[in-house]
Amino acid sequence: MTQHSAQPGVRFKQVDVFTSVPFKGNPLAVVFDADGLDAAQMQAIARWTHLSETTFLLAPTDPRADYRVRIFTTRGELPFAGHPTIGTAHALRESGYTPKTPGRLVQECGAGLVDLAARGGSEHSWAFSAPPARVTPLPASGYAALRAALRSDAVDFDAAPCGVDNGAPWLVVRFASAEAVLALAPDMQAIATIAAGVGAQGLAAYGPHAPGGPATFEVRCLMTGLGNGEDPVTGSANAAIALLLDQQNCRPGTQYTVRQGTAMGRDGRVAIDYDDATGRIWVGGHAVTVIDGTCRLV
């Protein structure tokens, strides 16, 4: 039998984020020890995994950070994204890394430093502090075009649609109900044009569930720029929605929950916590490892 020499590789995990049940959340590939990879190699790996995002763990350049991460879609690099932040923290901690501060992590990424905290004492549930965002309201003159592009009469314009860019730019639109969100079948080419006008690369639609429902809100995220179609569960978009709920004085208390991915057969769950003492918005959820091994590089 011919013996083949070992090929160089790096540690690799694929985790499911915003769920504790495999295959029900948003998958993420995490490549460890990536300091020797250049951007072209990272992009090639991200195209190969064909997931919404792939992250690459590197040594931090800021002494306050526990680690540095680069985040790639199949088409390009993002300065920040939510489910990669939660999933990378889970993968790193599960690998045996000891945080500088117990129960806390500081991520260095293109958007700067992002604080994370273990939720409920569980290392399998993390929350990130939403980074600062730029908000660009959609002009009222564009409401008719948006309604037509969405092919829906259920848009709630009492909450102004806005572009929100926290590192991943979304056009956030509120609907009258969760059912209206699940029924969406928009003209995506028209949505892309409208979203681009407020600096966004996707539609984040949300609507309330009836009292006693599975969550406070139903969310769907349809990507028009970087990414692959509908995103199963989206941390950055949920951070954007939470910010607008606060700014528009319509948040449902200091905590609420989100269900996302229903239209795709997933069951993602996101927890939002407002810390009024600090002004921070925390976006959290569980993660579970599905694949743990080595990624061959050549």
C-alpha atoms as a PDB file:
ATOM      1  CA  MET A   1       0.000   0.000   0.000  1.00  0.00           C
ATOM      2  CA  THR A   2       1.372   3.405  -0.966  1.00  0.00           C
ATOM      3  CA  GLN A   3       1.981   5.696   1.998  1.00  0.00           C
ATOM      4  CA  HIS A   4       1.113   9.371   1.555  1.00  0.00           C
ATOM      5  CA  SER A   5       2.879  12.013   3.597  1.00  0.00           C
ATOM      6  CA  ALA A   6       0.735  14.177   5.852  1.00  0.00           C
ATOM      7  CA  GLN A   7      -0.507  17.335   4.169  1.00  0.00           C
ATOM      8  CA  PRO A   8      -0.185  20.668   5.960  1.00  0.00           C
ATOM      9  CA  GLY A   9      -3.436  21.870   7.469  1.00  0.00           C
ATOM     10  CA  VAL A  10      -5.066  23.940  10.178  1.00  0.00           C
ATOM     11  CA  ARG A  11      -7.702  23.235  12.808  1.00  0.00           C
ATOM     12  CA  PHE A  12     -11.228  23.609  11.507  1.00  0.00           C
ATOM     13  CA  LYS A  13     -14.695  23.610  13.039  1.00  0.00           C
ATOM     14  CA  GLN A  14     -18.127  23.997  11.531  1.00  0.00           C
ATOM     15  CA  VAL A  15     -20.637  25.217  14.057  1.00  0.00           C
ATOM     16  CA  ASP A  16     -24.364  25.911  13.957  1.00  0.00           C
ATOM     17  CA  VAL A  17     -25.192  29.308  15.441  1.00  0.00           C
ATOM     18  CA  PHE A  18     -28.293  30.676  17.160  1.00  0.00           C
ATOM     19  CA  THR A  19     -29.452  27.150  17.984  1.00  0.00           C
ATOM     20  CA  SER A  20     -28.633  24.341  20.390  1.00  0.00           C
ATOM     21  CA  VAL A  21     -29.928  21.766  17.864  1.00  0.00           C
ATOM     22  CA  PRO A  22     -27.646  20.853  14.923  1.00  0.00           C
ATOM     23  CA  PHE A  23     -28.924  21.847  11.465  1.00  0.00           C
ATOM     24  CA  LYS A  24     -31.520  24.312  12.795  1.00  0.00           C
ATOM     25  CA  GLY A  25     -29.418  27.498  12.949  1.00  0.00           C
ATOM     26  CA  ASN A  26     -26.917  29.255  10.692  1.00  0.00           C
ATOM     27  CA  PRO A  27     -23.755  27.275   9.898  1.00  0.00           C
ATOM     28  CA  LEU A  28     -20.328  28.874  10.168  1.00  0.00           C
ATOM     29  CA  ALA A  29     -16.892  27.576   9.223  1.00  0.00           C
ATOM     30  CA  VAL A  30     -14.082  28.556  11.606  1.00  0.00           C
ATOM     31  CA  VAL A  31     -10.445  28.211  10.508  1.00  0.00           C
ATOM     32  CA  PHE A  32      -7.898  28.369  13.340  1.00  0.00           C
ATOM     33  CA  ASP A  33      -4.240  29.429  13.238  1.00  0.00           C
ATOM     34  CA  ALA A  34      -4.806  31.483  10.082  1.00  0.00           C
ATOM     35  CA  ASP A  35      -1.918  33.962  10.481  1.00  0.00           C
ATOM     36  CA  GLY A  36      -0.080  32.332   7.584  1.00  0.00           C
ATOM     37  CA  LEU A  37      -2.976  32.750   5.162  1.00  0.00           C
ATOM     38  CA  ASP A  38      -3.343  35.774   2.916  1.00  0.00           C
ATOM     39  CA  ALA A  39      -6.657  37.342   1.864  1.00  0.00           C
ATOM     40  CA  ALA A  40      -6.747  35.433  -1.436  1.00  0.00           C
ATOM     41  CA  GLN A  41      -6.358  32.105   0.355  1.00  0.00           C
ATOM     42  CA  MET A  42      -9.059  33.037   2.866  1.00  0.00           C
ATOM     43  CA  GLN A  43     -11.408  34.016   0.069  1.00  0.00           C
ATOM     44  CA  ALA A  44     -10.755  30.742  -1.742  1.00  0.00           C
ATOM     45  CA  ILE A  45     -11.603  28.754   1.392  1.00  0.00           C
ATOM     46  CA  ALA A  46     -14.766  30.810   1.953  1.00  0.00           C
ATOM     47  CA  ARG A  47     -15.874  30.159  -1.614  1.00  0.00           C
ATOM     48  CA  TRP A  48     -15.258  26.455  -1.093  1.00  0.00           C
ATOM     49  CA  THR A  49     -17.217  26.169   2.173  1.00  0.00           C
ATOM     50  CA  HIS A  50     -20.052  28.014   0.370  1.00  0.00           C
ATOM     51  CA  LEU A  51     -21.519  29.116   3.691  1.00  0.00           C
ATOM     52  CA  SER A  52     -22.845  32.600   4.330  1.00  0.00           C
ATOM     53  CA  GLU A  53     -19.626  33.307   6.254  1.00  0.00           C
ATOM     54  CA  THR A  54     -16.291  31.694   7.076  1.00  0.00           C
ATOM     55  CA  THR A  55     -14.072  33.129   9.821  1.00  0.00           C
ATOM     56  CA  PHE A  56     -10.304  33.017  10.267  1.00  0.00           C
ATOM     57  CA  LEU A  57      -8.730  33.213  13.714  1.00  0.00           C
ATOM     58  CA  LEU A  58      -5.494  35.184  14.067  1.00  0.00           C
ATOM     59  CA  ALA A  59      -3.330  36.573  16.839  1.00  0.00           C
ATOM     60  CA  PRO A  60      -4.639  39.956  18.013  1.00  0.00           C
ATOM     61  CA  THR A  61      -2.787  43.177  17.262  1.00  0.00           C
ATOM     62  CA  ASP A  62      -4.543  45.056  20.079  1.00  0.00           C
ATOM     63  CA  PRO A  63      -3.425  43.996  23.584  1.00  0.00           C
ATOM     64  CA  ARG A  64      -6.988  44.364  24.882  1.00  0.00           C
ATOM     65  CA  ALA A  65      -8.284  41.677  22.505  1.00  0.00           C
ATOM     66  CA  ASP A  66      -8.381  37.934  23.118  1.00  0.00           C
ATOM     67  CA  TYR A  67      -8.197  37.195  19.389  1.00  0.00           C
ATOM     68  CA  ARG A  68      -8.520  38.724  15.939  1.00  0.00           C
ATOM     69  CA  VAL A  69     -10.936  37.467  13.314  1.00  0.00           C
ATOM     70  CA  ARG A  70     -11.392  38.061   9.601  1.00  0.00           C
ATOM     71  CA  ILE A  71     -14.853  37.360   8.197  1.00  0.00           C
ATOM     72  CA  PHE A  72     -15.431  36.331   4.577  1.00  0.00           C
ATOM     73  CA  THR A  73     -18.584  35.629   2.582  1.00  0.00           C
ATOM     74  CA  THR A  74     -18.322  33.734  -0.680  1.00  0.00           C
ATOM     75  CA  ARG A  75     -17.850  37.101  -2.408  1.00  0.00           C
ATOM     76  CA  GLY A  76     -15.815  39.312  -0.111  1.00  0.00           C
ATOM     77  CA  GLU A  77     -14.698  40.340   3.359  1.00  0.00           C
ATOM     78  CA  LEU A  78     -16.916  41.935   6.016  1.00  0.00           C
ATOM     79  CA  PRO A  79     -15.675  44.158   8.846  1.00  0.00           C
ATOM     80  CA  PHE A  80     -18.291  42.654  11.191  1.00  0.00           C
ATOM     81  CA  ALA A  81     -21.090  40.112  11.201  1.00  0.00           C
ATOM     82  CA  GLY A  82     -23.153  38.760  14.060  1.00  0.00           C
ATOM     83  CA  HIS A  83     -23.479  35.001  13.715  1.00  0.00           C
ATOM     84  CA  PRO A  84     -19.742  34.689  12.879  1.00  0.00           C
ATOM     85  CA  THR A  85     -18.981  36.591  16.087  1.00  0.00           C
ATOM     86  CA  ILE A  86     -21.095  34.239  18.227  1.00  0.00           C
ATOM     87  CA  GLY A  87     -19.895  31.118  16.395  1.00  0.00           C
ATOM     88  CA  THR A  88     -16.210  32.034  16.517  1.00  0.00           C
ATOM     89  CA  ALA A  89     -16.401  32.743  20.253  1.00  0.00           C
ATOM     90  CA  HIS A  90     -18.015  29.339  20.801  1.00  0.00           C
ATOM     91  CA  ALA A  91     -15.424  27.535  18.676  1.00  0.00           C
ATOM     92  CA  LEU A  92     -12.482  29.281  20.330  1.00  0.00           C
ATOM     93  CA  ARG A  93     -13.692  28.663  23.855  1.00  0.00           C
ATOM     94  CA  GLU A  94     -14.534  25.025  23.071  1.00  0.00           C
ATOM     95  CA  SER A  95     -11.004  24.549  21.703  1.00  0.00           C
ATOM     96  CA  GLY A  96      -9.638  25.125  25.214  1.00  0.00           C
ATOM     97  CA  TYR A  97      -8.768  28.825  25.027  1.00  0.00           C
ATOM     98  CA  THR A  98      -8.842  30.594  28.398  1.00  0.00           C
ATOM     99  CA  PRO A  99     -10.253  34.152  28.177  1.00  0.00           C
ATOM    100  CA  LYS A 100      -8.290  37.025  29.650  1.00  0.00           C
ATOM    101  CA  THR A 101     -11.377  37.774  31.758  1.00  0.00           C
ATOM    102  CA  PRO A 102     -13.531  34.828  32.891  1.00  0.00           C
ATOM    103  CA  GLY A 103     -16.853  34.680  31.044  1.00  0.00           C
ATOM    104  CA  ARG A 104     -15.810  37.478  28.682  1.00  0.00           C
ATOM    105  CA  LEU A 105     -14.076  37.756  25.321  1.00  0.00           C
ATOM    106  CA  VAL A 106     -12.883  40.723  23.294  1.00  0.00           C
ATOM    107  CA  GLN A 107     -12.883  40.210  19.536  1.00  0.00           C
ATOM    108  CA  GLU A 108     -10.743  42.328  17.242  1.00  0.00           C
ATOM    109  CA  CYS A 109     -12.207  42.645  13.744  1.00  0.00           C
ATOM    110  CA  GLY A 110     -12.507  45.106  10.889  1.00  0.00           C
ATOM    111  CA  ALA A 111     -15.113  47.092  12.835  1.00  0.00           C
ATOM    112  CA  GLY A 112     -12.819  47.445  15.866  1.00  0.00           C
ATOM    113  CA  LEU A 113     -13.148  45.745  19.247  1.00  0.00           C
ATOM    114  CA  VAL A 114     -16.343  43.825  20.043  1.00  0.00           C
ATOM    115  CA  ASP A 115     -17.152  42.706  23.588  1.00  0.00           C
ATOM    116  CA  LEU A 116     -18.721  39.299  24.217  1.00  0.00           C
ATOM    117  CA  ALA A 117     -20.157  37.765  27.358  1.00  0.00           C
ATOM    118  CA  ALA A 118     -21.176  34.221  28.216  1.00  0.00           C
ATOM    119  CA  ARG A 119     -24.951  34.108  28.742  1.00  0.00           C
ATOM    120  CA  GLY A 120     -26.439  32.411  31.780  1.00  0.00           C
ATOM    121  CA  GLY A 121     -23.098  30.988  32.801  1.00  0.00           C
ATOM    122  CA  SER A 122     -22.988  28.782  29.694  1.00  0.00           C
ATOM    123  CA  GLU A 123     -19.936  28.697  27.438  1.00  0.00           C
ATOM    124  CA  HIS A 124     -22.255  27.470  24.670  1.00  0.00           C
ATOM    125  CA  SER A 125     -24.320  30.658  24.696  1.00  0.00           C
ATOM    126  CA  TRP A 126     -22.665  33.990  23.967  1.00  0.00           C
ATOM    127  CA  ALA A 127     -23.847  37.539  23.411  1.00  0.00           C
ATOM    128  CA  PHE A 128     -22.047  40.372  21.663  1.00  0.00           C
ATOM    129  CA  SER A 129     -22.361  44.047  22.365  1.00  0.00           C
ATOM    130  CA  ALA A 130     -23.749  45.568  19.173  1.00  0.00           C
ATOM    131  CA  PRO A 131     -21.159  47.830  17.531  1.00  0.00           C
ATOM    132  CA  PRO A 132     -21.976  51.453  16.632  1.00  0.00           C
ATOM    133  CA  ALA A 133     -24.135  51.852  13.550  1.00  0.00           C
ATOM    134  CA  ARG A 134     -24.871  54.467  10.923  1.00  0.00           C
ATOM    135  CA  VAL A 135     -28.616  54.938  10.361  1.00  0.00           C
ATOM    136  CA  THR A 136     -29.966  56.340   7.074  1.00  0.00           C
ATOM    137  CA  PRO A 137     -33.775  56.743   6.932  1.00  0.00           C
ATOM    138  CA  LEU A 138     -35.468  55.921   3.644  1.00  0.00           C
ATOM    139  CA  PRO A 139     -37.070  59.141   2.323  1.00  0.00           C
ATOM    140  CA  ALA A 140     -40.869  59.107   2.524  1.00  0.00           C
ATOM    141  CA  SER A 141     -40.897  59.705  -1.227  1.00  0.00           C
ATOM    142  CA  GLY A 142     -39.559  56.158  -1.601  1.00  0.00           C
ATOM    143  CA  TYR A 143     -42.287  54.426   0.407  1.00  0.00           C
ATOM    144  CA  ALA A 144     -44.526  53.670  -2.579  1.00  0.00           C
ATOM    145  CA  ALA A 145     -41.656  52.112  -4.511  1.00  0.00           C
ATOM    146  CA  LEU A 146     -40.689  50.052  -1.461  1.00  0.00           C
ATOM    147  CA  ARG A 147     -44.257  48.793  -1.001  1.00  0.00           C
ATOM    148  CA  ALA A 148     -44.390  47.827  -4.667  1.00  0.00           C
ATOM    149  CA  ALA A 149     -41.010  46.070  -4.516  1.00  0.00           C
ATOM    150  CA  LEU A 150     -42.037  44.155  -1.404  1.00  0.00           C
ATOM    151  CA  ARG A 151     -45.342  43.163  -3.042  1.00  0.00           C
ATOM    152  CA  SER A 152     -47.005  43.615   0.336  1.00  0.00           C
ATOM    153  CA  ASP A 153     -49.625  45.901   1.859  1.00  0.00           C
ATOM    154  CA  ALA A 154     -48.504  44.938   5.362  1.00  0.00           C
ATOM    155  CA  VAL A 155     -45.523  47.312   5.701  1.00  0.00           C
ATOM    156  CA  ASP A 156     -45.767  49.288   8.960  1.00  0.00           C
ATOM    157  CA  PHE A 157     -44.548  52.733   7.922  1.00  0.00           C
ATOM    158  CA  ASP A 158     -45.177  54.069  11.446  1.00  0.00           C
ATOM    159  CA  ALA A 159     -41.647  52.726  12.013  1.00  0.00           C
ATOM    160  CA  ALA A 160     -39.634  54.387   9.265  1.00  0.00           C
ATOM    161  CA  PRO A 161     -37.634  51.964   7.090  1.00  0.00           C
ATOM    162  CA  CYS A 162     -33.927  52.688   7.484  1.00  0.00           C
ATOM    163  CA  GLY A 163     -30.565  51.586   6.245  1.00  0.00           C
ATOM    164  CA  VAL A 164     -28.515  50.464   9.258  1.00  0.00           C
ATOM    165  CA  ASP A 165     -24.805  49.794   8.824  1.00  0.00           C
ATOM    166  CA  ASN A 166     -23.013  48.225  11.803  1.00  0.00           C
ATOM    167  CA  GLY A 167     -20.446  46.548   9.580  1.00  0.00           C
ATOM    168  CA  ALA A 168     -23.061  44.584   7.626  1.00  0.00           C
ATOM    169  CA  PRO A 169     -25.534  47.050   6.059  1.00  0.00           C
ATOM    170  CA  TRP A 170     -29.259  46.198   6.104  1.00  0.00           C
ATOM    171  CA  LEU A 171     -32.445  47.935   4.977  1.00  0.00           C
ATOM    172  CA  VAL A 172     -34.683  47.340   8.011  1.00  0.00           C
ATOM    173  CA  VAL A 173     -38.437  47.220   7.367  1.00  0.00           C
ATOM    174  CA  ARG A 174     -41.170  46.557   9.914  1.00  0.00           C
ATOM    175  CA  PHE A 175     -44.300  44.593   8.986  1.00  0.00           C
ATOM    176  CA  ALA A 176     -47.680  44.397  10.683  1.00  0.00           C
ATOM    177  CA  SER A 177     -47.311  40.733  11.634  1.00  0.00           C
ATOM    178  CA  ALA A 178     -45.039  37.715  11.665  1.00  0.00           C
ATOM    179  CA  GLU A 179     -47.334  36.101   9.087  1.00  0.00           C
ATOM    180  CA  ALA A 180     -46.727  38.986   6.664  1.00  0.00           C
ATOM    181  CA  VAL A 181     -42.962  38.482   7.036  1.00  0.00           C
ATOM    182  CA  LEU A 182     -43.239  34.762   6.321  1.00  0.00           C
ATOM    183  CA  ALA A 183     -45.394  35.446   3.251  1.00  0.00           C
ATOM    184  CA  LEU A 184     -42.838  37.811   1.658  1.00  0.00           C
ATOM    185  CA  ALA A 185     -41.976  37.192  -1.992  1.00  0.00           C
ATOM    186  CA  PRO A 186     -40.428  40.522  -3.047  1.00  0.00           C
ATOM    187  CA  ASP A 187     -38.959  41.734  -6.317  1.00  0.00           C
ATOM    188  CA  MET A 188     -35.326  41.347  -5.251  1.00  0.00           C
ATOM    189  CA  GLN A 189     -33.911  43.378  -8.127  1.00  0.00           C
ATOM    190  CA  ALA A 190     -36.073  46.334  -7.123  1.00  0.00           C
ATOM    191  CA  ILE A 191     -35.220  45.794  -3.443  1.00  0.00           C
ATOM    192  CA  ALA A 192     -31.505  45.827  -4.305  1.00  0.00           C
ATOM    193  CA  THR A 193     -31.869  49.246  -5.946  1.00  0.00           C
ATOM    194  CA  ILE A 194     -33.817  50.690  -3.022  1.00  0.00           C
ATOM    195  CA  ALA A 195     -31.446  49.183  -0.451  1.00  0.00           C
ATOM    196  CA  ALA A 196     -28.413  50.573  -2.277  1.00  0.00           C
ATOM    197  CA  GLY A 197     -29.939  54.042  -1.992  1.00  0.00           C
ATOM    198  CA  VAL A 198     -29.529  53.907   1.788  1.00  0.00           C
ATOM    199  CA  GLY A 199     -26.174  52.099   1.673  1.00  0.00           C
ATOM    200  CA  ALA A 200     -27.609  48.642   2.377  1.00  0.00           C
ATOM    201  CA  GLN A 201     -26.900  45.251   0.825  1.00  0.00           C
ATOM    202  CA  GLY A 202     -29.904  43.325   2.023  1.00  0.00           C
ATOM    203  CA  LEU A 203     -33.429  43.448   3.423  1.00  0.00           C
ATOM    204  CA  ALA A 204     -34.070  42.744   7.118  1.00  0.00           C
ATOM    205  CA  ALA A 205     -37.819  42.282   7.545  1.00  0.00           C
ATOM    206  CA  TYR A 206     -39.429  41.860  10.960  1.00  0.00           C
ATOM    207  CA  GLY A 207     -42.951  41.618  12.340  1.00  0.00           C
ATOM    208  CA  PRO A 208     -44.513  40.858  15.726  1.00  0.00           C
ATOM    209  CA  HIS A 209     -45.935  37.521  16.746  1.00  0.00           C
ATOM    210  CA  ALA A 210     -49.239  37.459  18.599  1.00  0.00           C
ATOM    211  CA  PRO A 211     -48.949  37.339  22.406  1.00  0.00           C
ATOM    212  CA  GLY A 212     -48.027  33.851  23.510  1.00  0.00           C
ATOM    213  CA  GLY A 213     -46.374  33.081  20.166  1.00  0.00           C
ATOM    214  CA  PRO A 214     -43.026  31.347  19.662  1.00  0.00           C
ATOM    215  CA  ALA A 215     -41.076  34.625  19.969  1.00  0.00           C
ATOM    216  CA  THR A 216     -41.607  38.363  20.131  1.00  0.00           C
ATOM    217  CA  PHE A 217     -40.703  38.906  16.458  1.00  0.00           C
ATOM    218  CA  GLU A 218     -40.287  36.903  13.272  1.00  0.00           C
ATOM    219  CA  VAL A 219     -37.299  37.993  11.140  1.00  0.00           C
ATOM    220  CA  ARG A 220     -36.200  37.255   7.583  1.00  0.00           C
ATOM    221  CA  CYS A 221     -33.001  38.536   5.960  1.00  0.00           C
ATOM    222  CA  LEU A 222     -32.754  38.576   2.165  1.00  0.00           C
ATOM    223  CA  MET A 223     -29.322  39.485   0.811  1.00  0.00           C
ATOM    224  CA  THR A 224     -28.853  41.618  -2.287  1.00  0.00           C
ATOM    225  CA  GLY A 225     -25.088  42.177  -2.160  1.00  0.00           C
ATOM    226  CA  LEU A 226     -22.576  39.999  -0.354  1.00  0.00           C
ATOM    227  CA  GLY A 227     -23.867  36.548   0.400  1.00  0.00           C
ATOM    228  CA  ASN A 228     -26.150  33.754  -0.803  1.00  0.00           C
ATOM    229  CA  GLY A 229     -29.888  34.498  -1.016  1.00  0.00           C
ATOM    230  CA  GLU A 230     -31.728  34.285   2.315  1.00  0.00           C
ATOM    231  CA  ASP A 231     -29.651  34.182   5.483  1.00  0.00           C
ATOM    232  CA  PRO A 232     -30.905  31.614   8.030  1.00  0.00           C
ATOM    233  CA  VAL A 233     -30.222  33.596  11.243  1.00  0.00           C
ATOM    234  CA  THR A 234     -28.517  36.972  11.326  1.00  0.00           C
ATOM    235  CA  GLY A 235     -26.827  38.662  14.279  1.00  0.00           C
ATOM    236  CA  SER A 236     -25.985  41.958  12.572  1.00  0.00           C
ATOM    237  CA  ALA A 237     -29.544  42.422  11.276  1.00  0.00           C
ATOM    238  CA  ASN A 238     -31.003  41.647  14.691  1.00  0.00           C
ATOM    239  CA  ALA A 239     -28.636  44.212  16.200  1.00  0.00           C
ATOM    240  CA  ALA A 240     -29.852  46.717  13.594  1.00  0.00           C
ATOM    241  CA  ILE A 241     -33.511  45.960  14.352  1.00  0.00           C
ATOM    242  CA  ALA A 242     -32.907  46.275  18.090  1.00  0.00           C
ATOM    243  CA  LEU A 243     -31.234  49.646  17.584  1.00  0.00           C
ATOM    244  CA  LEU A 244     -34.139  50.989  15.522  1.00  0.00           C
ATOM    245  CA  LEU A 245     -36.719  49.693  18.004  1.00  0.00           C
ATOM    246  CA  ASP A 246     -34.926  51.705  20.671  1.00  0.00           C
ATOM    247  CA  GLN A 247     -34.480  54.847  18.574  1.00  0.00           C
ATOM    248  CA  GLN A 248     -38.079  54.755  17.346  1.00  0.00           C
ATOM    249  CA  ASN A 249     -39.428  54.280  20.889  1.00  0.00           C
ATOM    250  CA  CYS A 250     -41.154  50.988  20.120  1.00  0.00           C
ATOM    251  CA  ARG A 251     -38.999  48.401  21.812  1.00  0.00           C
ATOM    252  CA  PRO A 252     -40.937  45.742  23.783  1.00  0.00           C
ATOM    253  CA  GLY A 253     -39.281  46.232  27.180  1.00  0.00           C
ATOM    254  CA  THR A 254     -35.666  45.526  28.119  1.00  0.00           C
ATOM    255  CA  GLN A 255     -35.636  42.018  26.634  1.00  0.00           C
ATOM    256  CA  TYR A 256     -37.228  40.229  23.719  1.00  0.00           C
ATOM    257  CA  THR A 257     -36.756  37.162  21.532  1.00  0.00           C
ATOM    258  CA  VAL A 258     -36.603  36.520  17.788  1.00  0.00           C
ATOM    259  CA  ARG A 259     -37.359  33.502  15.635  1.00  0.00           C
ATOM    260  CA  GLN A 260     -35.601  33.408  12.268  1.00  0.00           C
ATOM    261  CA  GLY A 261     -35.076  30.856   9.508  1.00  0.00           C
ATOM    262  CA  THR A 262     -38.618  29.485   9.579  1.00  0.00           C
ATOM    263  CA  ALA A 263     -39.114  29.955   5.828  1.00  0.00           C
ATOM    264  CA  MET A 264     -35.970  27.866   5.241  1.00  0.00           C
ATOM    265  CA  GLY A 265     -36.909  25.015   7.564  1.00  0.00           C
ATOM    266  CA  ARG A 266     -34.633  26.302  10.342  1.00  0.00           C
ATOM    267  CA  ASP A 267     -35.524  27.330  13.887  1.00  0.00           C
ATOM    268  CA  GLY A 268     -33.012  30.005  14.861  1.00  0.00           C
ATOM    269  CA  ARG A 269     -33.483  31.843  18.155  1.00  0.00           C
ATOM    270  CA  VAL A 270     -31.961  35.197  19.090  1.00  0.00           C
ATOM    271  CA  ALA A 271     -32.115  36.952  22.468  1.00  0.00           C
ATOM    272  CA  ILE A 272     -31.936  40.749  22.740  1.00  0.00           C
ATOM    273  CA  ASP A 273     -31.080  42.513  25.999  1.00  0.00           C
ATOM    274  CA  TYR A 274     -30.989  46.285  26.499  1.00  0.00           C
ATOM    275  CA  ASP A 275     -28.596  47.482  29.195  1.00  0.00           C
ATOM    276  CA  ASP A 276     -30.012  50.904  29.950  1.00  0.00           C
ATOM    277  CA  ALA A 277     -27.251  51.644  32.469  1.00  0.00           C
ATOM    278  CA  THR A 278     -24.573  51.500  29.767  1.00  0.00           C
ATOM    279  CA  GLY A 279     -26.645  52.059  26.646  1.00  0.00           C
ATOM    280  CA  ARG A 280     -25.462  48.762  25.206  1.00  0.00           C
ATOM    281  CA  ILE A 281     -27.549  46.321  23.190  1.00  0.00           C
ATOM    282  CA  TRP A 282     -26.593  42.671  23.626  1.00  0.00           C
ATOM    283  CA  VAL A 283     -27.397  40.123  20.913  1.00  0.00           C
ATOM    284  CA  GLY A 284     -27.072  36.515  21.999  1.00  0.00           C
ATOM    285  CA  GLY A 285     -27.762  32.874  21.309  1.00  0.00           C
ATOM    286  CA  HIS A 286     -26.516  29.326  21.529  1.00  0.00           C
ATOM    287  CA  ALA A 287     -24.060  27.550  19.245  1.00  0.00           C
ATOM    288  CA  VAL A 288     -23.269  23.879  18.719  1.00  0.00           C
ATOM    289  CA  THR A 289     -20.303  22.246  16.965  1.00  0.00           C
ATOM    290  CA  VAL A 290     -21.217  19.925  14.087  1.00  0.00           C
ATOM    291  CA  ILE A 291     -17.798  19.238  12.480  1.00  0.00           C
ATOM    292  CA  ASP A 292     -14.426  19.264  14.261  1.00  0.00           C
ATOM    293  CA  GLY A 293     -11.228  18.411  12.424  1.00  0.00           C
ATOM    294  CA  THR A 294      -8.513  19.731  10.113  1.00  0.00           C
ATOM    295  CA  CYS A 295      -8.680  21.775   6.942  1.00  0.00           C
ATOM    296  CA  ARG A 296      -6.078  20.731   4.340  1.00  0.00           C
ATOM    297  CA  LEU A 297      -4.516  23.768   2.669  1.00  0.00           C
ATOM    298  CA  VAL A 298      -2.677  22.251  -0.322  1.00  0.00           C
END
